[in-house]
Amino acid sequence: MFALNLGTCEATYLGDAPGYSRPTVALEYDAVTVPVTHGAGAVSFRVGTLG
């Protein structure tokens, strides 16, 4: 999964989660949650920032 900065046209690698890829980016902040898979187990989320 990648996030694209439309102002600079730079891509940021967020990570990968085979079978589940739905990162969420906050509207007012540079915060992002990225899904993390653990095989057949439940999906967890890693919280980070862009930039």
PDB file of N, CA and C in Angstrom:
ATOM      1  N   MET A   1       0.837  -1.164   0.000  1.00  0.00           N
ATOM      2  CA  MET A   1       0.000   0.000   0.000  1.00  0.00           C
ATOM      3  C   MET A   1       0.885   1.231   0.000  1.00  0.00           C
ATOM      4  N   PHE A   2       0.435   2.231  -0.738  1.00  0.00           N
ATOM      5  CA  PHE A   2       1.170   3.481  -0.856  1.00  0.00           C
ATOM      6  C   PHE A   2       0.234   4.659  -0.637  1.00  0.00           C
ATOM      7  N   ALA A   3       0.785   5.767  -0.200  1.00  0.00           N
ATOM      8  CA  ALA A   3       0.048   7.022  -0.126  1.00  0.00           C
ATOM      9  C   ALA A   3       0.747   7.979  -1.075  1.00  0.00           C
ATOM     10  N   LEU A   4      -0.010   8.708  -1.880  1.00  0.00           N
ATOM     11  CA  LEU A   4       0.546   9.641  -2.846  1.00  0.00           C
ATOM     12  C   LEU A   4       0.292  11.069  -2.392  1.00  0.00           C
ATOM     13  N   ASN A   5       1.348  11.835  -2.233  1.00  0.00           N
ATOM     14  CA  ASN A   5       1.244  13.252  -1.913  1.00  0.00           C
ATOM     15  C   ASN A   5       1.002  13.976  -3.228  1.00  0.00           C
ATOM     16  N   LEU A   6      -0.190  14.508  -3.418  1.00  0.00           N
ATOM     17  CA  LEU A   6      -0.532  15.154  -4.685  1.00  0.00           C
ATOM     18  C   LEU A   6       0.212  16.458  -4.896  1.00  0.00           C
ATOM     19  N   GLY A   7       0.673  17.105  -3.831  1.00  0.00           N
ATOM     20  CA  GLY A   7       1.415  18.348  -3.959  1.00  0.00           C
ATOM     21  C   GLY A   7       2.816  18.137  -4.504  1.00  0.00           C
ATOM     22  N   THR A   8       3.498  17.089  -4.003  1.00  0.00           N
ATOM     23  CA  THR A   8       4.879  16.830  -4.412  1.00  0.00           C
ATOM     24  C   THR A   8       5.003  15.666  -5.380  1.00  0.00           C
ATOM     25  N   CYS A   9       3.917  14.942  -5.582  1.00  0.00           N
ATOM     26  CA  CYS A   9       3.893  13.731  -6.432  1.00  0.00           C
ATOM     27  C   CYS A   9       4.837  12.648  -5.902  1.00  0.00           C
ATOM     28  N   GLU A  10       5.052  12.609  -4.583  1.00  0.00           N
ATOM     29  CA  GLU A  10       5.894  11.595  -3.960  1.00  0.00           C
ATOM     30  C   GLU A  10       5.024  10.503  -3.351  1.00  0.00           C
ATOM     31  N   ALA A  11       5.441   9.258  -3.545  1.00  0.00           N
ATOM     32  CA  ALA A  11       4.726   8.122  -2.971  1.00  0.00           C
ATOM     33  C   ALA A  11       5.425   7.684  -1.691  1.00  0.00           C
ATOM     34  N   THR A  12       4.632   7.332  -0.673  1.00  0.00           N
ATOM     35  CA  THR A  12       5.150   6.819   0.589  1.00  0.00           C
ATOM     36  C   THR A  12       4.661   5.391   0.759  1.00  0.00           C
ATOM     37  N   TYR A  13       5.590   4.468   0.963  1.00  0.00           N
ATOM     38  CA  TYR A  13       5.227   3.072   1.196  1.00  0.00           C
ATOM     39  C   TYR A  13       4.663   2.931   2.605  1.00  0.00           C
ATOM     40  N   LEU A  14       3.461   2.385   2.731  1.00  0.00           N
ATOM     41  CA  LEU A  14       2.811   2.217   4.029  1.00  0.00           C
ATOM     42  C   LEU A  14       3.001   0.822   4.598  1.00  0.00           C
ATOM     43  N   GLY A  15       3.095  -0.166   3.759  1.00  0.00           N
ATOM     44  CA  GLY A  15       3.220  -1.552   4.196  1.00  0.00           C
ATOM     45  C   GLY A  15       2.371  -2.446   3.315  1.00  0.00           C
ATOM     46  N   ASP A  16       2.250  -3.711   3.701  1.00  0.00           N
ATOM     47  CA  ASP A  16       1.406  -4.621   2.933  1.00  0.00           C
ATOM     48  C   ASP A  16       0.590  -5.487   3.871  1.00  0.00           C
ATOM     49  N   ALA A  17      -0.551  -5.882   3.393  1.00  0.00           N
ATOM     50  CA  ALA A  17      -1.450  -6.760   4.124  1.00  0.00           C
ATOM     51  C   ALA A  17      -2.174  -7.608   3.088  1.00  0.00           C
ATOM     52  N   PRO A  18      -1.561  -8.728   2.660  1.00  0.00           N
ATOM     53  CA  PRO A  18      -2.168  -9.555   1.624  1.00  0.00           C
ATOM     54  C   PRO A  18      -3.610  -9.935   1.963  1.00  0.00           C
ATOM     55  N   GLY A  19      -4.494  -9.674   1.027  1.00  0.00           N
ATOM     56  CA  GLY A  19      -5.904 -10.003   1.208  1.00  0.00           C
ATOM     57  C   GLY A  19      -6.705  -8.922   1.905  1.00  0.00           C
ATOM     58  N   TYR A  20      -6.028  -7.896   2.417  1.00  0.00           N
ATOM     59  CA  TYR A  20      -6.742  -6.830   3.121  1.00  0.00           C
ATOM     60  C   TYR A  20      -5.924  -5.552   2.987  1.00  0.00           C
ATOM     61  N   SER A  21      -6.399  -4.624   2.199  1.00  0.00           N
ATOM     62  CA  SER A  21      -5.646  -3.375   2.036  1.00  0.00           C
ATOM     63  C   SER A  21      -6.599  -2.194   2.041  1.00  0.00           C
ATOM     64  N   ARG A  22      -6.776  -1.611   3.202  1.00  0.00           N
ATOM     65  CA  ARG A  22      -7.659  -0.462   3.338  1.00  0.00           C
ATOM     66  C   ARG A  22      -7.084   0.490   4.379  1.00  0.00           C
ATOM     67  N   PRO A  23      -6.003   1.186   4.023  1.00  0.00           N
ATOM     68  CA  PRO A  23      -5.465   2.164   4.972  1.00  0.00           C
ATOM     69  C   PRO A  23      -6.432   3.326   5.117  1.00  0.00           C
ATOM     70  N   THR A  24      -6.384   4.004   6.246  1.00  0.00           N
ATOM     71  CA  THR A  24      -7.251   5.150   6.507  1.00  0.00           C
ATOM     72  C   THR A  24      -6.375   6.343   6.856  1.00  0.00           C
ATOM     73  N   VAL A  25      -6.587   7.452   6.171  1.00  0.00           N
ATOM     74  CA  VAL A  25      -5.821   8.665   6.406  1.00  0.00           C
ATOM     75  C   VAL A  25      -6.751   9.700   7.023  1.00  0.00           C
ATOM     76  N   ALA A  26      -6.303  10.354   8.092  1.00  0.00           N
ATOM     77  CA  ALA A  26      -7.095  11.385   8.754  1.00  0.00           C
ATOM     78  C   ALA A  26      -7.203  12.616   7.854  1.00  0.00           C
ATOM     79  N   LEU A  27      -8.329  13.296   7.891  1.00  0.00           N
ATOM     80  CA  LEU A  27      -8.541  14.474   7.050  1.00  0.00           C
ATOM     81  C   LEU A  27      -7.738  15.687   7.493  1.00  0.00           C
ATOM     82  N   GLU A  28      -7.659  15.918   8.791  1.00  0.00           N
ATOM     83  CA  GLU A  28      -7.048  17.149   9.290  1.00  0.00           C
ATOM     84  C   GLU A  28      -5.609  16.977   9.769  1.00  0.00           C
ATOM     85  N   TYR A  29      -5.093  15.744   9.796  1.00  0.00           N
ATOM     86  CA  TYR A  29      -3.760  15.477  10.320  1.00  0.00           C
ATOM     87  C   TYR A  29      -3.028  14.558   9.360  1.00  0.00           C
ATOM     88  N   ASP A  30      -1.752  14.306   9.615  1.00  0.00           N
ATOM     89  CA  ASP A  30      -0.975  13.378   8.808  1.00  0.00           C
ATOM     90  C   ASP A  30      -0.975  11.976   9.404  1.00  0.00           C
ATOM     91  N   ALA A  31      -2.036  11.635  10.141  1.00  0.00           N
ATOM     92  CA  ALA A  31      -2.132  10.320  10.773  1.00  0.00           C
ATOM     93  C   ALA A  31      -2.731   9.310   9.797  1.00  0.00           C
ATOM     94  N   VAL A  32      -2.240   8.081   9.873  1.00  0.00           N
ATOM     95  CA  VAL A  32      -2.729   7.010   9.013  1.00  0.00           C
ATOM     96  C   VAL A  32      -2.763   5.713   9.815  1.00  0.00           C
ATOM     97  N   THR A  33      -3.800   4.906   9.597  1.00  0.00           N
ATOM     98  CA  THR A  33      -3.837   3.557  10.156  1.00  0.00           C
ATOM     99  C   THR A  33      -3.650   2.586   9.000  1.00  0.00           C
ATOM    100  N   VAL A  34      -2.766   1.629   9.196  1.00  0.00           N
ATOM    101  CA  VAL A  34      -2.438   0.650   8.154  1.00  0.00           C
ATOM    102  C   VAL A  34      -2.744  -0.740   8.692  1.00  0.00           C
ATOM    103  N   PRO A  35      -3.528  -1.537   7.948  1.00  0.00           N
ATOM    104  CA  PRO A  35      -3.832  -2.885   8.410  1.00  0.00           C
ATOM    105  C   PRO A  35      -2.587  -3.775   8.376  1.00  0.00           C
ATOM    106  N   VAL A  36      -2.488  -4.660   9.366  1.00  0.00           N
ATOM    107  CA  VAL A  36      -1.406  -5.635   9.453  1.00  0.00           C
ATOM    108  C   VAL A  36      -2.053  -7.002   9.584  1.00  0.00           C
ATOM    109  N   THR A  37      -1.670  -7.925   8.718  1.00  0.00           N
ATOM    110  CA  THR A  37      -2.255  -9.264   8.776  1.00  0.00           C
ATOM    111  C   THR A  37      -1.308 -10.209   9.500  1.00  0.00           C
ATOM    112  N   HIS A  38      -1.889 -11.217  10.117  1.00  0.00           N
ATOM    113  CA  HIS A  38      -1.144 -12.220  10.868  1.00  0.00           C
ATOM    114  C   HIS A  38      -1.592 -13.595  10.379  1.00  0.00           C
ATOM    115  N   GLY A  39      -1.294 -13.898   9.115  1.00  0.00           N
ATOM    116  CA  GLY A  39      -1.732 -15.177   8.560  1.00  0.00           C
ATOM    117  C   GLY A  39      -3.245 -15.222   8.464  1.00  0.00           C
ATOM    118  N   ALA A  40      -3.838 -16.256   9.026  1.00  0.00           N
ATOM    119  CA  ALA A  40      -5.295 -16.406   8.985  1.00  0.00           C
ATOM    120  C   ALA A  40      -5.964 -15.757  10.196  1.00  0.00           C
ATOM    121  N   GLY A  41      -5.185 -15.126  11.062  1.00  0.00           N
ATOM    122  CA  GLY A  41      -5.738 -14.509  12.264  1.00  0.00           C
ATOM    123  C   GLY A  41      -6.391 -13.172  11.972  1.00  0.00           C
ATOM    124  N   ALA A  42      -6.777 -12.502  13.011  1.00  0.00           N
ATOM    125  CA  ALA A  42      -7.451 -11.222  12.896  1.00  0.00           C
ATOM    126  C   ALA A  42      -6.501 -10.132  12.387  1.00  0.00           C
ATOM    127  N   VAL A  43      -7.064  -9.154  11.722  1.00  0.00           N
ATOM    128  CA  VAL A  43      -6.301  -8.007  11.242  1.00  0.00           C
ATOM    129  C   VAL A  43      -6.136  -7.011  12.389  1.00  0.00           C
ATOM    130  N   SER A  44      -4.938  -6.489  12.553  1.00  0.00           N
ATOM    131  CA  SER A  44      -4.716  -5.411  13.505  1.00  0.00           C
ATOM    132  C   SER A  44      -4.304  -4.166  12.716  1.00  0.00           C
ATOM    133  N   PHE A  45      -4.182  -3.055  13.383  1.00  0.00           N
ATOM    134  CA  PHE A  45      -3.841  -1.811  12.693  1.00  0.00           C
ATOM    135  C   PHE A  45      -2.643  -1.145  13.353  1.00  0.00           C
ATOM    136  N   ARG A  46      -1.775  -0.614  12.511  1.00  0.00           N
ATOM    137  CA  ARG A  46      -0.615   0.145  12.964  1.00  0.00           C
ATOM    138  C   ARG A  46      -0.927   1.610  12.694  1.00  0.00           C
ATOM    139  N   VAL A  47      -0.713   2.472  13.678  1.00  0.00           N
ATOM    140  CA  VAL A  47      -0.972   3.900  13.530  1.00  0.00           C
ATOM    141  C   VAL A  47       0.361   4.604  13.320  1.00  0.00           C
ATOM    142  N   GLY A  48       0.407   5.466  12.316  1.00  0.00           N
ATOM    143  CA  GLY A  48       1.628   6.207  12.033  1.00  0.00           C
ATOM    144  C   GLY A  48       1.303   7.574  11.476  1.00  0.00           C
ATOM    145  N   THR A  49       2.326   8.247  10.995  1.00  0.00           N
ATOM    146  CA  THR A  49       2.146   9.572  10.385  1.00  0.00           C
ATOM    147  C   THR A  49       2.767   9.585   9.008  1.00  0.00           C
ATOM    148  N   LEU A  50       2.258  10.460   8.175  1.00  0.00           N
ATOM    149  CA  LEU A  50       2.827  10.674   6.851  1.00  0.00           C
ATOM    150  C   LEU A  50       3.747  11.879   6.932  1.00  0.00           C
ATOM    151  N   GLY A  51       4.855  11.814   6.251  1.00  0.00           N
ATOM    152  CA  GLY A  51       5.731  12.969   6.190  1.00  0.00           C
ATOM    153  C   GLY A  51       6.900  12.871   6.981  1.00  0.00           C
TER     154      GLY A  51
END
